């Protein structure tokens, strides 16, 4: 956003931010919020504290203390934002977007920092990772919530956590568990989503998919090529079996004897139901460089569920960009069986 645009919007921005005044117990603390938000909206290339402070003409240390030391009610501010989205911006075709953000750090004091995969640079790096939930519908895109991913090395060292200001009740949780907690908080605040979507970092976790289904949330998201399942679900045996009616019986439920093993979704491409299926073409959206058009093939399949048994039947969509047909994406959805591929791709 250019400086002139920001200046014209400044009165409206201040009016909007005043709705969060009661999240800040002190007036001098509250006054820093417009400075920080204006910096995030500005066209300065770096959006960290120092460039924002310098651009606004305020001491760098003052803005650093606002973010790190001054007491304000983060939970109340988050809930207030979600209420505003719920009451003033919500509507049909709402999508919950699960994603994460990483930021490279040089030291070892920032909460949660360690060497781990950093999406910002595409490799393992010394960084922090945060999990986020966003709201999208039509032209609206809004972050609803976020939570720090605390690595096990930090969680196991409570002295280090206390020194960094991490409360004792914050412990290591897998990213997918954090994502479901963010979802539950938003739903508890009255937000509803027609669809949820995510990348393969979350789609690779069957527990995450089952968690969304258990909550009645319809989803379509990416899974990795090695996601396992069956095009034809094997028979499950529930009757106990005792050889010669003696000894401990086989566990139940279990796959019937001689069942075909599960296979990767990319191996399913060799099955005639996918291999011989013509590619359907779908206009997904209009981008800055023109329309984005995907080709897709579709089949129903059963993923590997709890205990290695067939899980809830899902849609499996194999998709590719017509401009880059060699790069395949694998998507799954728990939408009703009669849902069209176009409806799932446009979600």
Protein backbone atom coordinates (compact mmCIF):
# COMPACT_ATOMS: atom_id res chain seq x y z
CA UNK A 1 0.00 0.00 0.00
CA UNK A 2 1.40 3.38 -1.01
CA UNK A 3 1.95 6.22 1.48
CA UNK A 4 -0.81 8.42 0.01
CA UNK A 5 -3.33 5.56 0.22
CA UNK A 6 -2.34 4.83 3.79
CA UNK A 7 -2.71 8.48 4.79
CA UNK A 8 -6.25 8.60 3.38
CA UNK A 9 -7.18 5.43 5.25
CA UNK A 10 -5.50 6.42 8.52
CA UNK A 11 -8.66 7.87 10.17
CA UNK A 12 -10.65 4.74 9.34
CA UNK A 13 -7.78 2.52 10.48
CA UNK A 14 -7.58 4.30 13.83
CA UNK A 15 -11.34 4.02 14.21
CA UNK A 16 -11.16 0.28 13.56
CA UNK A 17 -8.24 -0.26 15.95
CA UNK A 18 -10.09 1.58 18.72
CA UNK A 19 -12.38 -1.44 18.85
CA UNK A 20 -9.45 -3.23 20.49
CA UNK A 21 -8.76 -0.53 23.12
CA UNK A 22 -9.97 -2.66 26.03
CA UNK A 23 -7.38 -5.32 25.14
CA UNK A 24 -4.68 -2.88 26.32
CA UNK A 25 -4.82 -1.84 30.00
CA UNK A 26 -2.58 1.21 29.48
CA UNK A 27 -3.20 4.10 27.11
CA UNK A 28 0.49 4.55 26.25
CA UNK A 29 0.75 0.86 25.28
CA UNK A 30 -2.40 1.02 23.17
CA UNK A 31 -0.99 3.99 21.21
CA UNK A 32 1.69 1.77 19.63
CA UNK A 33 -0.82 -0.52 17.90
CA UNK A 34 -1.62 1.91 15.03
CA UNK A 35 2.11 2.42 14.47
CA UNK A 36 2.78 -1.30 14.14
CA UNK A 37 -0.29 -2.05 12.00
CA UNK A 38 0.42 0.91 9.69
CA UNK A 39 3.93 -0.43 9.21
CA UNK A 40 2.59 -3.85 8.26
CA UNK A 41 0.27 -2.22 5.70
CA UNK A 42 2.95 0.07 4.26
CA UNK A 43 5.10 -0.57 1.20
CA UNK A 44 8.42 -0.72 3.09
CA UNK A 45 10.31 -3.85 1.94
CA UNK A 46 11.08 -5.18 5.44
CA UNK A 47 8.18 -5.53 7.90
CA UNK A 48 10.21 -6.26 11.03
CA UNK A 49 10.20 -3.98 14.09
CA UNK A 50 13.26 -1.84 13.29
CA UNK A 51 12.24 -0.74 9.76
CA UNK A 52 8.67 -0.06 10.93
CA UNK A 53 9.89 2.07 13.84
CA UNK A 54 12.38 4.00 11.72
CA UNK A 55 9.76 4.61 9.03
CA UNK A 56 7.30 5.89 11.65
CA UNK A 57 9.89 8.02 13.45
CA UNK A 58 9.56 6.27 16.81
CA UNK A 59 12.34 4.71 18.93
CA UNK A 60 13.02 1.11 17.91
CA UNK A 61 13.22 0.00 21.53
CA UNK A 62 9.74 1.36 22.22
CA UNK A 63 8.14 -0.76 19.51
CA UNK A 64 10.18 -3.82 20.55
CA UNK A 65 8.91 -3.50 24.12
CA UNK A 66 5.33 -3.12 22.85
CA UNK A 67 5.54 -6.53 21.17
CA UNK A 68 7.63 -8.39 23.73
CA UNK A 69 7.12 -6.91 27.19
CA UNK A 70 4.05 -4.69 27.49
CA UNK A 71 1.04 -6.47 28.94
CA UNK A 72 -1.97 -6.77 26.67
CA UNK A 73 -4.65 -9.42 26.35
CA UNK A 74 -3.70 -11.43 23.29
CA UNK A 75 -6.60 -13.88 23.68
CA UNK A 76 -9.13 -11.07 23.96
CA UNK A 77 -7.72 -9.36 20.87
CA UNK A 78 -7.91 -12.63 18.92
CA UNK A 79 -11.49 -13.27 20.02
CA UNK A 80 -12.49 -9.68 19.18
CA UNK A 81 -11.13 -10.12 15.66
CA UNK A 82 -13.04 -13.37 15.23
CA UNK A 83 -16.26 -11.74 16.44
CA UNK A 84 -15.83 -8.97 13.86
CA UNK A 85 -15.35 -11.53 11.08
CA UNK A 86 -18.33 -13.53 12.34
CA UNK A 87 -20.70 -10.58 12.65
CA UNK A 88 -19.65 -8.34 9.76
CA UNK A 89 -17.72 -10.30 7.16
CA UNK A 90 -18.91 -13.92 7.26
CA UNK A 91 -21.06 -15.41 4.53
CA UNK A 92 -21.42 -18.32 2.11
CA UNK A 93 -18.45 -20.06 0.49
CA UNK A 94 -16.27 -19.59 3.57
CA UNK A 95 -13.03 -21.56 3.62
CA UNK A 96 -10.77 -22.43 6.55
CA UNK A 97 -7.14 -22.43 5.46
CA UNK A 98 -4.57 -24.26 7.59
CA UNK A 99 -0.97 -23.25 7.00
CA UNK A 100 2.24 -22.43 8.79
CA UNK A 101 4.83 -19.67 8.68
CA UNK A 102 8.52 -19.88 9.43
CA UNK A 103 11.08 -17.18 10.12
CA UNK A 104 14.85 -17.56 10.12
CA UNK A 105 16.54 -16.59 13.40
CA UNK A 106 20.24 -16.28 14.18
CA UNK A 107 20.27 -16.72 17.96
CA UNK A 108 18.98 -19.30 20.43
CA UNK A 109 16.78 -17.12 22.67
CA UNK A 110 13.67 -16.62 20.55
CA UNK A 111 10.90 -18.92 21.86
CA UNK A 112 10.76 -22.16 19.88
CA UNK A 113 13.84 -21.51 17.78
CA UNK A 114 15.91 -24.48 16.64
CA UNK A 115 17.17 -26.11 13.45
CA UNK A 116 14.07 -27.41 11.67
CA UNK A 117 12.49 -27.29 8.24
CA UNK A 118 11.92 -23.66 7.28
CA UNK A 119 9.42 -23.14 4.48
CA UNK A 120 10.59 -19.55 4.01
CA UNK A 121 13.92 -20.78 2.61
CA UNK A 122 12.94 -24.33 1.61
CA UNK A 123 15.46 -26.17 3.77
CA UNK A 124 16.43 -27.01 7.34
CA UNK A 125 17.47 -23.78 9.05
CA UNK A 126 17.61 -22.17 12.48
CA UNK A 127 14.09 -20.77 12.68
CA UNK A 128 10.74 -20.61 14.45
CA UNK A 129 7.50 -22.06 13.09
CA UNK A 130 3.96 -20.88 13.79
CA UNK A 131 0.71 -22.61 12.80
CA UNK A 132 -2.12 -20.46 11.45
CA UNK A 133 -5.81 -20.55 10.61
CA UNK A 134 -7.09 -18.16 7.94
CA UNK A 135 -10.57 -17.26 6.71
CA UNK A 136 -11.25 -16.82 3.00
CA UNK A 137 -14.41 -16.09 1.05
CA UNK A 138 -14.82 -14.29 -2.25
CA UNK A 139 -12.34 -11.38 -2.08
CA UNK A 140 -11.77 -11.56 1.68
CA UNK A 141 -8.62 -13.10 3.17
CA UNK A 142 -8.09 -12.79 6.90
CA UNK A 143 -5.89 -14.47 9.51
CA UNK A 144 -8.01 -15.68 12.42
CA UNK A 145 -5.53 -17.27 14.79
CA UNK A 146 -1.98 -18.50 15.21
CA UNK A 147 0.08 -20.49 17.67
CA UNK A 148 3.78 -21.13 18.17
CA UNK A 149 5.01 -24.64 17.40
CA UNK A 150 7.12 -25.59 20.42
CA UNK A 151 9.72 -28.26 19.56
CA UNK A 152 10.25 -31.14 21.98
CA UNK A 153 13.75 -29.90 22.84
CA UNK A 154 12.17 -26.73 24.23
CA UNK A 155 9.23 -28.47 25.87
CA UNK A 156 11.60 -30.78 27.78
CA UNK A 157 13.65 -27.83 29.09
CA UNK A 158 11.23 -25.89 31.31
CA UNK A 159 13.96 -23.61 32.68
CA UNK A 160 14.70 -22.45 29.15
CA UNK A 161 10.98 -21.97 28.53
CA UNK A 162 10.54 -19.84 31.65
CA UNK A 163 13.54 -17.71 30.70
CA UNK A 164 11.90 -17.09 27.30
CA UNK A 165 8.52 -16.29 28.87
CA UNK A 166 6.81 -19.52 27.76
CA UNK A 167 4.17 -20.55 30.34
CA UNK A 168 4.45 -23.93 32.01
CA UNK A 169 1.19 -25.18 30.51
CA UNK A 170 2.48 -24.70 26.96
CA UNK A 171 4.08 -27.96 25.84
CA UNK A 172 5.05 -29.65 22.61
CA UNK A 173 2.14 -30.65 20.38
CA UNK A 174 2.25 -31.85 16.77
CA UNK A 175 1.36 -29.14 14.29
CA UNK A 176 -1.83 -30.93 13.25
CA UNK A 177 -3.06 -30.92 16.85
CA UNK A 178 -2.41 -27.18 17.06
CA UNK A 179 -4.34 -26.70 13.80
CA UNK A 180 -7.38 -28.52 15.22
CA UNK A 181 -7.19 -26.40 18.40
CA UNK A 182 -7.23 -23.21 16.30
CA UNK A 183 -10.24 -24.56 14.41
CA UNK A 184 -12.08 -25.44 17.62
CA UNK A 185 -11.47 -21.95 19.05
CA UNK A 186 -12.85 -20.29 15.92
CA UNK A 187 -15.93 -22.52 15.87
CA UNK A 188 -16.50 -21.86 19.58
CA UNK A 189 -16.52 -18.14 18.68
CA UNK A 190 -19.31 -18.73 16.18
CA UNK A 191 -17.39 -19.01 12.91
CA UNK A 192 -18.50 -21.59 10.35
CA UNK A 193 -16.71 -22.89 7.27
CA UNK A 194 -18.13 -24.50 4.13
CA UNK A 195 -14.77 -26.07 3.36
CA UNK A 196 -11.36 -26.53 4.94
CA UNK A 197 -8.15 -26.81 2.97
CA UNK A 198 -4.48 -27.52 3.71
CA UNK A 199 -1.20 -28.60 2.12
CA UNK A 200 0.41 -32.04 2.31
CA UNK A 201 2.19 -31.17 5.57
CA UNK A 202 -1.21 -31.60 7.25
CA UNK A 203 -2.81 -33.92 4.71
CA UNK A 204 -0.15 -36.54 5.38
CA UNK A 205 -1.53 -37.06 8.91
CA UNK A 206 -4.55 -39.40 8.92
CA UNK A 207 -5.43 -38.29 12.46
CA UNK A 208 -5.84 -34.73 11.21
CA UNK A 209 -8.20 -35.82 8.44
CA UNK A 210 -10.19 -37.95 10.85
CA UNK A 211 -10.31 -35.03 13.29
CA UNK A 212 -11.90 -32.75 10.70
CA UNK A 213 -14.41 -35.43 9.70
CA UNK A 214 -15.30 -36.09 13.34
CA UNK A 215 -16.10 -32.37 13.67
CA UNK A 216 -18.40 -32.55 10.65
CA UNK A 217 -16.07 -30.33 8.63
CA UNK A 218 -15.99 -30.86 4.89
CA UNK A 219 -12.47 -30.59 3.45
CA UNK A 220 -10.41 -30.85 0.30
CA UNK A 221 -6.65 -30.79 0.74
CA UNK A 222 -3.35 -32.02 -0.60
CA UNK A 223 -1.73 -35.29 0.42
CA UNK A 224 1.78 -36.56 -0.39
CA UNK A 225 2.46 -39.07 -3.15
CA UNK A 226 3.10 -41.79 -0.58
CA UNK A 227 -0.31 -41.45 1.08
CA UNK A 228 -1.60 -44.99 1.49
CA UNK A 229 -4.96 -46.60 0.74
CA UNK A 230 -6.99 -48.92 -1.47
CA UNK A 231 -9.12 -48.34 -4.55
CA UNK A 232 -11.05 -51.46 -3.48
CA UNK A 233 -11.33 -51.59 0.29
CA UNK A 234 -10.43 -55.06 1.62
CA UNK A 235 -12.89 -57.03 3.69
CA UNK A 236 -12.64 -56.59 7.44
CA UNK A 237 -13.13 -59.59 9.70
CA UNK A 238 -14.83 -59.00 13.05
CA UNK A 239 -15.38 -62.61 14.14
CA UNK A 240 -12.81 -64.04 16.58
CA UNK A 241 -10.81 -67.01 15.30
CA UNK A 242 -9.23 -69.70 17.47
CA UNK A 243 -7.23 -72.42 15.78
CA UNK A 244 -8.58 -75.76 16.98
CA UNK A 245 -10.64 -73.68 19.44
CA UNK A 246 -7.58 -73.29 21.65
CA UNK A 247 -5.13 -70.53 22.50
CA UNK A 248 -5.40 -66.82 22.04
CA UNK A 249 -7.49 -65.85 19.04
CA UNK A 250 -6.45 -63.45 16.32
CA UNK A 251 -7.17 -59.82 17.01
CA UNK A 252 -10.36 -58.32 15.67
CA UNK A 253 -11.26 -56.40 13.71
CA UNK A 254 -8.61 -57.31 11.12
CA UNK A 255 -8.13 -57.54 7.38
CA UNK A 256 -9.40 -60.76 5.89
CA UNK A 257 -6.75 -63.34 5.06
CA UNK A 258 -5.27 -62.81 1.60
CA UNK A 259 -6.29 -59.13 1.38
CA UNK A 260 -4.34 -56.99 -1.04
CA UNK A 261 -1.97 -54.63 0.73
CA UNK A 262 -2.54 -50.89 0.60
CA UNK A 263 -0.54 -48.87 -1.92
CA UNK A 264 0.61 -45.30 -2.49
CA UNK A 265 -1.71 -42.91 -4.28
CA UNK A 266 0.86 -42.33 -7.03
CA UNK A 267 0.91 -46.11 -7.65
CA UNK A 268 -2.86 -46.01 -8.17
CA UNK A 269 -2.24 -44.12 -11.42
CA UNK A 270 -1.50 -47.49 -13.04
CA UNK A 271 -5.01 -48.74 -12.33
CA UNK A 272 -7.25 -48.57 -15.43
CA UNK A 273 -9.85 -46.55 -13.49
CA UNK A 274 -7.35 -43.69 -13.36
CA UNK A 275 -4.95 -44.53 -16.17
CA UNK A 276 -7.62 -44.75 -18.88
CA UNK A 277 -9.78 -41.93 -17.55
CA UNK A 278 -9.71 -38.81 -19.75
CA UNK A 279 -8.46 -35.63 -18.09
CA UNK A 280 -11.25 -33.23 -17.21
CA UNK A 281 -10.40 -29.55 -17.60
CA UNK A 282 -11.46 -26.98 -14.98
CA UNK A 283 -10.95 -23.24 -14.71
CA UNK A 284 -9.92 -22.94 -11.06
CA UNK A 285 -9.51 -19.18 -10.71
CA UNK A 286 -8.32 -16.03 -12.45
CA UNK A 287 -4.79 -15.02 -11.44
CA UNK A 288 -2.61 -12.01 -12.15
CA UNK A 289 -1.24 -13.78 -15.24
CA UNK A 290 -4.61 -14.93 -16.53
CA UNK A 291 -6.90 -17.88 -15.84
CA UNK A 292 -5.54 -20.86 -13.90
CA UNK A 293 -6.69 -24.05 -15.57
CA UNK A 294 -6.24 -27.51 -14.08
CA UNK A 295 -6.80 -30.96 -15.50
CA UNK A 296 -8.01 -33.66 -13.14
CA UNK A 297 -8.87 -37.33 -12.80
CA UNK A 298 -11.01 -38.63 -9.98
CA UNK A 299 -11.83 -41.86 -8.17
CA UNK A 300 -13.20 -42.97 -4.81
CA UNK A 301 -10.78 -44.75 -2.50
CA UNK A 302 -10.33 -45.85 1.12
CA UNK A 303 -7.30 -44.50 3.01
CA UNK A 304 -5.49 -46.55 5.61
CA UNK A 305 -7.27 -45.81 8.87
CA UNK A 306 -6.84 -46.70 12.51
CA UNK A 307 -5.21 -50.07 13.14
CA UNK A 308 -4.29 -50.41 9.46
CA UNK A 309 -7.94 -50.94 8.52
CA UNK A 310 -9.77 -49.13 5.70
CA UNK A 311 -10.85 -45.67 6.80
CA UNK A 312 -13.72 -43.46 5.74
CA UNK A 313 -14.06 -43.53 1.91
CA UNK A 314 -12.74 -40.32 0.34
CA UNK A 315 -12.49 -38.70 -3.04
CA UNK A 316 -9.03 -38.92 -4.59
CA UNK A 317 -8.30 -36.24 -7.18
CA UNK A 318 -5.15 -36.27 -9.31
CA UNK A 319 -4.66 -32.75 -10.66
CA UNK A 320 -2.15 -30.89 -12.79
CA UNK A 321 -1.74 -27.38 -14.14
CA UNK A 322 -2.15 -27.37 -17.92
CA UNK A 323 0.95 -25.16 -18.11
CA UNK A 324 2.98 -27.65 -16.07
CA UNK A 325 1.51 -31.11 -16.75
CA UNK A 326 4.49 -33.03 -15.37
CA UNK A 327 3.84 -31.84 -11.81
CA UNK A 328 0.97 -33.81 -10.28
CA UNK A 329 -0.93 -32.94 -7.13
CA UNK A 330 -2.92 -35.45 -5.11
CA UNK A 331 -5.98 -34.15 -3.28
CA UNK A 332 -8.45 -35.89 -1.00
CA UNK A 333 -11.91 -34.83 0.13
CA UNK A 334 -14.58 -36.13 2.49
CA UNK A 335 -17.35 -34.38 0.54
CA UNK A 336 -20.52 -36.41 -0.14
CA UNK A 337 -20.03 -39.07 -2.80
CA UNK A 338 -22.11 -37.19 -5.39
CA UNK A 339 -20.06 -33.96 -5.11
CA UNK A 340 -18.60 -32.93 -8.46
CA UNK A 341 -14.87 -32.62 -9.07
CA UNK A 342 -15.43 -29.01 -10.13
CA UNK A 343 -17.05 -28.15 -6.78
CA UNK A 344 -14.11 -29.65 -4.90
CA UNK A 345 -11.47 -27.93 -7.03
CA UNK A 346 -13.21 -24.57 -6.70
CA UNK A 347 -13.49 -24.87 -2.92
